[in-house]
């Protein structure tokens, strides 16, 4: 299944379900008044891989464009790491092997094994296309090292990004 994501800044990103729980997100965005043919999007490089909460497509938060075959190479996900706060241990998840103990240094370059809601994925795409770090990634990477991490607004302020929808509902 291929889907289009409204990034709420006059642009759209695209993704595809690669496995039952894992999604791929393409390194391609369109302006609101232009849509690239799906066949061209499927040839674009992958921006990132992620596990996405099931509710996102079930509730219609992203527009489903159709069902297309997934390239076999796009079904192979990179290793990710986990942290057990009780044992204070790190693990790498390796396909076909499972969880393997590792050091903090061995986690660098890998993503934290987590599931994202729609907001986290949308922000990751906005940040990817803007060429700036993503709060969700930095939080996941550092939250296990200490009790606090700066708020989203503080984080994005460093990059001159007005994360304005955080004020909605205040």
C-alpha atoms as a PDB file:
ATOM      1  CA  UNK A   1       0.000   0.000   0.000  1.00  0.00           C
ATOM      2  CA  UNK A   2       1.337   3.431  -0.987  1.00  0.00           C
ATOM      3  CA  UNK A   3       0.154   6.567   0.803  1.00  0.00           C
ATOM      4  CA  UNK A   4       0.532  10.345   0.646  1.00  0.00           C
ATOM      5  CA  UNK A   5       1.175  12.383   3.791  1.00  0.00           C
ATOM      6  CA  UNK A   6       0.104  16.000   4.166  1.00  0.00           C
ATOM      7  CA  UNK A   7       3.079  17.678   5.839  1.00  0.00           C
ATOM      8  CA  UNK A   8       0.955  20.747   6.692  1.00  0.00           C
ATOM      9  CA  UNK A   9       3.417  23.170   5.138  1.00  0.00           C
ATOM     10  CA  UNK A  10       2.127  23.103   1.576  1.00  0.00           C
ATOM     11  CA  UNK A  11       3.959  19.873   0.777  1.00  0.00           C
ATOM     12  CA  UNK A  12       3.327  16.137   0.735  1.00  0.00           C
ATOM     13  CA  UNK A  13       5.562  13.168   1.485  1.00  0.00           C
ATOM     14  CA  UNK A  14       5.087   9.547   0.495  1.00  0.00           C
ATOM     15  CA  UNK A  15       5.430   6.148   2.092  1.00  0.00           C
ATOM     16  CA  UNK A  16       4.692   2.488   1.562  1.00  0.00           C
ATOM     17  CA  UNK A  17       3.921  -0.425   3.834  1.00  0.00           C
ATOM     18  CA  UNK A  18       6.916  -2.728   3.409  1.00  0.00           C
ATOM     19  CA  UNK A  19       5.991  -5.501   5.860  1.00  0.00           C
ATOM     20  CA  UNK A  20       3.131  -6.098   8.284  1.00  0.00           C
ATOM     21  CA  UNK A  21       4.515  -3.589  10.799  1.00  0.00           C
ATOM     22  CA  UNK A  22       7.294  -1.727   8.982  1.00  0.00           C
ATOM     23  CA  UNK A  23       6.963   1.206   6.637  1.00  0.00           C
ATOM     24  CA  UNK A  24       9.334   2.965   4.262  1.00  0.00           C
ATOM     25  CA  UNK A  25       9.318   6.686   3.559  1.00  0.00           C
ATOM     26  CA  UNK A  26      10.596   8.017   0.268  1.00  0.00           C
ATOM     27  CA  UNK A  27      13.082  10.820  -0.215  1.00  0.00           C
ATOM     28  CA  UNK A  28      10.594  12.780  -2.291  1.00  0.00           C
ATOM     29  CA  UNK A  29       8.100  15.526  -1.619  1.00  0.00           C
ATOM     30  CA  UNK A  30       5.600  17.358  -3.785  1.00  0.00           C
ATOM     31  CA  UNK A  31       4.140  20.821  -3.560  1.00  0.00           C
ATOM     32  CA  UNK A  32       0.414  20.836  -2.781  1.00  0.00           C
ATOM     33  CA  UNK A  33      -0.550  21.483  -6.411  1.00  0.00           C
ATOM     34  CA  UNK A  34       1.711  18.827  -7.982  1.00  0.00           C
ATOM     35  CA  UNK A  35       1.635  15.073  -7.561  1.00  0.00           C
ATOM     36  CA  UNK A  36       4.317  12.809  -8.976  1.00  0.00           C
ATOM     37  CA  UNK A  37       3.090   9.529 -10.511  1.00  0.00           C
ATOM     38  CA  UNK A  38       3.306   6.665  -8.033  1.00  0.00           C
ATOM     39  CA  UNK A  39       5.531   4.629 -10.350  1.00  0.00           C
ATOM     40  CA  UNK A  40       8.150   7.410 -10.154  1.00  0.00           C
ATOM     41  CA  UNK A  41       7.858   7.715  -6.379  1.00  0.00           C
ATOM     42  CA  UNK A  42       8.508   3.987  -5.970  1.00  0.00           C
ATOM     43  CA  UNK A  43      11.866   4.478  -7.729  1.00  0.00           C
ATOM     44  CA  UNK A  44      13.000   7.194  -5.307  1.00  0.00           C
ATOM     45  CA  UNK A  45      15.569   6.438  -2.581  1.00  0.00           C
ATOM     46  CA  UNK A  46      14.390   5.654   0.929  1.00  0.00           C
ATOM     47  CA  UNK A  47      14.627   8.565   3.392  1.00  0.00           C
ATOM     48  CA  UNK A  48      14.058   6.308   6.408  1.00  0.00           C
ATOM     49  CA  UNK A  49      12.362   3.160   7.671  1.00  0.00           C
ATOM     50  CA  UNK A  50      10.032   3.088  10.677  1.00  0.00           C
ATOM     51  CA  UNK A  51       7.483   1.070  12.595  1.00  0.00           C
ATOM     52  CA  UNK A  52       4.180   2.955  12.547  1.00  0.00           C
ATOM     53  CA  UNK A  53       1.215   2.574  14.886  1.00  0.00           C
ATOM     54  CA  UNK A  54      -1.670   0.725  13.184  1.00  0.00           C
ATOM     55  CA  UNK A  55      -4.260   3.455  13.776  1.00  0.00           C
ATOM     56  CA  UNK A  56      -2.671   5.882  11.283  1.00  0.00           C
ATOM     57  CA  UNK A  57      -3.982   4.330   8.063  1.00  0.00           C
ATOM     58  CA  UNK A  58      -7.062   2.752   9.684  1.00  0.00           C
ATOM     59  CA  UNK A  59      -8.271   6.195  10.747  1.00  0.00           C
ATOM     60  CA  UNK A  60      -7.550   7.728   7.344  1.00  0.00           C
ATOM     61  CA  UNK A  61      -4.908  10.170   8.563  1.00  0.00           C
ATOM     62  CA  UNK A  62      -2.831   9.557   5.418  1.00  0.00           C
ATOM     63  CA  UNK A  63      -4.355   9.266   1.961  1.00  0.00           C
ATOM     64  CA  UNK A  64      -4.059   5.756   0.512  1.00  0.00           C
ATOM     65  CA  UNK A  65      -3.078   5.924  -3.169  1.00  0.00           C
ATOM     66  CA  UNK A  66      -3.181   2.233  -4.022  1.00  0.00           C
ATOM     67  CA  UNK A  67      -1.510  -1.123  -3.641  1.00  0.00           C
ATOM     68  CA  UNK A  68       1.830  -1.646  -5.373  1.00  0.00           C
ATOM     69  CA  UNK A  69       4.489  -4.328  -5.002  1.00  0.00           C
ATOM     70  CA  UNK A  70       7.309  -3.587  -2.573  1.00  0.00           C
ATOM     71  CA  UNK A  71      10.831  -3.941  -3.908  1.00  0.00           C
ATOM     72  CA  UNK A  72      12.531  -6.852  -2.091  1.00  0.00           C
ATOM     73  CA  UNK A  73      15.463  -4.635  -1.074  1.00  0.00           C
ATOM     74  CA  UNK A  74      12.992  -2.252   0.613  1.00  0.00           C
ATOM     75  CA  UNK A  75      11.799  -5.053   2.891  1.00  0.00           C
ATOM     76  CA  UNK A  76      15.226  -5.396   4.536  1.00  0.00           C
ATOM     77  CA  UNK A  77      15.348  -3.033   7.478  1.00  0.00           C
ATOM     78  CA  UNK A  78      18.528  -1.694   9.049  1.00  0.00           C
ATOM     79  CA  UNK A  79      19.535  -2.799  12.532  1.00  0.00           C
ATOM     80  CA  UNK A  80      18.019  -0.833  15.408  1.00  0.00           C
ATOM     81  CA  UNK A  81      18.885  -0.608  19.074  1.00  0.00           C
ATOM     82  CA  UNK A  82      17.002  -0.884  22.313  1.00  0.00           C
ATOM     83  CA  UNK A  83      17.668   0.051  25.902  1.00  0.00           C
ATOM     84  CA  UNK A  84      16.455  -1.728  29.022  1.00  0.00           C
ATOM     85  CA  UNK A  85      16.171   0.941  31.753  1.00  0.00           C
ATOM     86  CA  UNK A  86      15.888  -1.672  34.508  1.00  0.00           C
ATOM     87  CA  UNK A  87      18.988  -3.623  33.531  1.00  0.00           C
ATOM     88  CA  UNK A  88      20.677  -0.533  32.045  1.00  0.00           C
ATOM     89  CA  UNK A  89      21.748  -2.575  29.026  1.00  0.00           C
ATOM     90  CA  UNK A  90      21.774  -1.928  25.283  1.00  0.00           C
ATOM     91  CA  UNK A  91      20.872  -4.359  22.542  1.00  0.00           C
ATOM     92  CA  UNK A  92      20.987  -4.364  18.754  1.00  0.00           C
ATOM     93  CA  UNK A  93      18.141  -6.044  16.915  1.00  0.00           C
ATOM     94  CA  UNK A  94      19.600  -8.069  14.045  1.00  0.00           C
ATOM     95  CA  UNK A  95      17.358  -9.654  11.439  1.00  0.00           C
ATOM     96  CA  UNK A  96      17.345 -13.422  11.709  1.00  0.00           C
ATOM     97  CA  UNK A  97      19.194 -13.333  15.036  1.00  0.00           C
ATOM     98  CA  UNK A  98      17.158 -11.184  17.392  1.00  0.00           C
ATOM     99  CA  UNK A  99      18.481  -9.036  20.220  1.00  0.00           C
ATOM    100  CA  UNK A 100      22.241  -9.047  20.737  1.00  0.00           C
ATOM    101  CA  UNK A 101      23.904  -7.283  23.689  1.00  0.00           C
ATOM    102  CA  UNK A 102      25.976  -4.245  22.689  1.00  0.00           C
ATOM    103  CA  UNK A 103      27.677  -1.177  24.084  1.00  0.00           C
ATOM    104  CA  UNK A 104      26.422   2.390  23.896  1.00  0.00           C
ATOM    105  CA  UNK A 105      29.069   3.128  21.263  1.00  0.00           C
ATOM    106  CA  UNK A 106      27.737   0.289  19.088  1.00  0.00           C
ATOM    107  CA  UNK A 107      24.298   1.942  19.018  1.00  0.00           C
ATOM    108  CA  UNK A 108      25.613   5.004  17.166  1.00  0.00           C
ATOM    109  CA  UNK A 109      24.382   5.109  13.592  1.00  0.00           C
ATOM    110  CA  UNK A 110      21.325   3.002  14.452  1.00  0.00           C
ATOM    111  CA  UNK A 111      17.816   4.114  15.247  1.00  0.00           C
ATOM    112  CA  UNK A 112      16.060   3.409  18.500  1.00  0.00           C
ATOM    113  CA  UNK A 113      13.557   0.574  18.125  1.00  0.00           C
ATOM    114  CA  UNK A 114      10.215   2.283  18.651  1.00  0.00           C
ATOM    115  CA  UNK A 115       6.824   2.722  17.044  1.00  0.00           C
ATOM    116  CA  UNK A 116       5.760   6.137  15.746  1.00  0.00           C
ATOM    117  CA  UNK A 117       2.378   7.799  15.538  1.00  0.00           C
ATOM    118  CA  UNK A 118       1.439  10.009  12.607  1.00  0.00           C
ATOM    119  CA  UNK A 119       2.809  13.214  14.179  1.00  0.00           C
ATOM    120  CA  UNK A 120       6.273  11.760  14.710  1.00  0.00           C
ATOM    121  CA  UNK A 121       6.539  10.514  11.135  1.00  0.00           C
ATOM    122  CA  UNK A 122       5.218  13.779   9.700  1.00  0.00           C
ATOM    123  CA  UNK A 123       7.788  15.754  11.693  1.00  0.00           C
ATOM    124  CA  UNK A 124      10.580  13.374  10.686  1.00  0.00           C
ATOM    125  CA  UNK A 125       9.694  14.004   7.036  1.00  0.00           C
ATOM    126  CA  UNK A 126       9.506  17.789   7.492  1.00  0.00           C
ATOM    127  CA  UNK A 127      12.899  17.735   9.205  1.00  0.00           C
ATOM    128  CA  UNK A 128      14.390  15.423   6.594  1.00  0.00           C
ATOM    129  CA  UNK A 129      13.370  17.688   3.736  1.00  0.00           C
ATOM    130  CA  UNK A 130      14.522  20.801   5.631  1.00  0.00           C
ATOM    131  CA  UNK A 131      17.910  19.211   6.356  1.00  0.00           C
ATOM    132  CA  UNK A 132      17.651  19.675  10.117  1.00  0.00           C
ATOM    133  CA  UNK A 133      17.803  17.180  13.004  1.00  0.00           C
ATOM    134  CA  UNK A 134      14.548  15.683  14.240  1.00  0.00           C
ATOM    135  CA  UNK A 135      13.522  16.068  17.874  1.00  0.00           C
ATOM    136  CA  UNK A 136      12.029  12.560  17.950  1.00  0.00           C
ATOM    137  CA  UNK A 137      15.287  10.980  16.796  1.00  0.00           C
ATOM    138  CA  UNK A 138      17.433  13.038  19.163  1.00  0.00           C
ATOM    139  CA  UNK A 139      15.080  12.370  22.068  1.00  0.00           C
ATOM    140  CA  UNK A 140      15.075   8.621  21.394  1.00  0.00           C
ATOM    141  CA  UNK A 141      18.842   8.645  21.071  1.00  0.00           C
ATOM    142  CA  UNK A 142      19.427  10.509  24.341  1.00  0.00           C
ATOM    143  CA  UNK A 143      16.443   9.863  26.614  1.00  0.00           C
ATOM    144  CA  UNK A 144      18.051   6.747  28.009  1.00  0.00           C
ATOM    145  CA  UNK A 145      21.171   8.684  29.019  1.00  0.00           C
ATOM    146  CA  UNK A 146      19.470  11.021  31.440  1.00  0.00           C
ATOM    147  CA  UNK A 147      16.165  12.075  32.950  1.00  0.00           C
ATOM    148  CA  UNK A 148      15.467  15.101  30.775  1.00  0.00           C
ATOM    149  CA  UNK A 149      15.786  16.340  27.241  1.00  0.00           C
ATOM    150  CA  UNK A 150      14.824  19.766  25.986  1.00  0.00           C
ATOM    151  CA  UNK A 151      11.261  20.373  24.847  1.00  0.00           C
ATOM    152  CA  UNK A 152      10.334  20.319  21.176  1.00  0.00           C
ATOM    153  CA  UNK A 153       9.943  24.082  21.108  1.00  0.00           C
ATOM    154  CA  UNK A 154      13.391  24.601  22.662  1.00  0.00           C
ATOM    155  CA  UNK A 155      14.960  22.061  20.308  1.00  0.00           C
ATOM    156  CA  UNK A 156      13.510  23.548  17.124  1.00  0.00           C
ATOM    157  CA  UNK A 157      14.187  27.119  18.225  1.00  0.00           C
ATOM    158  CA  UNK A 158      17.910  26.305  17.849  1.00  0.00           C
ATOM    159  CA  UNK A 159      17.278  25.718  14.143  1.00  0.00           C
ATOM    160  CA  UNK A 160      15.057  28.752  13.580  1.00  0.00           C
ATOM    161  CA  UNK A 161      12.009  26.546  13.117  1.00  0.00           C
ATOM    162  CA  UNK A 162       8.717  27.778  14.563  1.00  0.00           C
ATOM    163  CA  UNK A 163       7.020  24.587  15.609  1.00  0.00           C
ATOM    164  CA  UNK A 164       3.767  26.567  15.758  1.00  0.00           C
ATOM    165  CA  UNK A 165       1.252  23.767  16.148  1.00  0.00           C
ATOM    166  CA  UNK A 166       2.594  23.021  19.629  1.00  0.00           C
ATOM    167  CA  UNK A 167       0.709  26.145  20.706  1.00  0.00           C
ATOM    168  CA  UNK A 168      -2.627  24.832  19.424  1.00  0.00           C
ATOM    169  CA  UNK A 169      -4.894  23.905  22.288  1.00  0.00           C
ATOM    170  CA  UNK A 170      -2.934  25.977  24.846  1.00  0.00           C
END
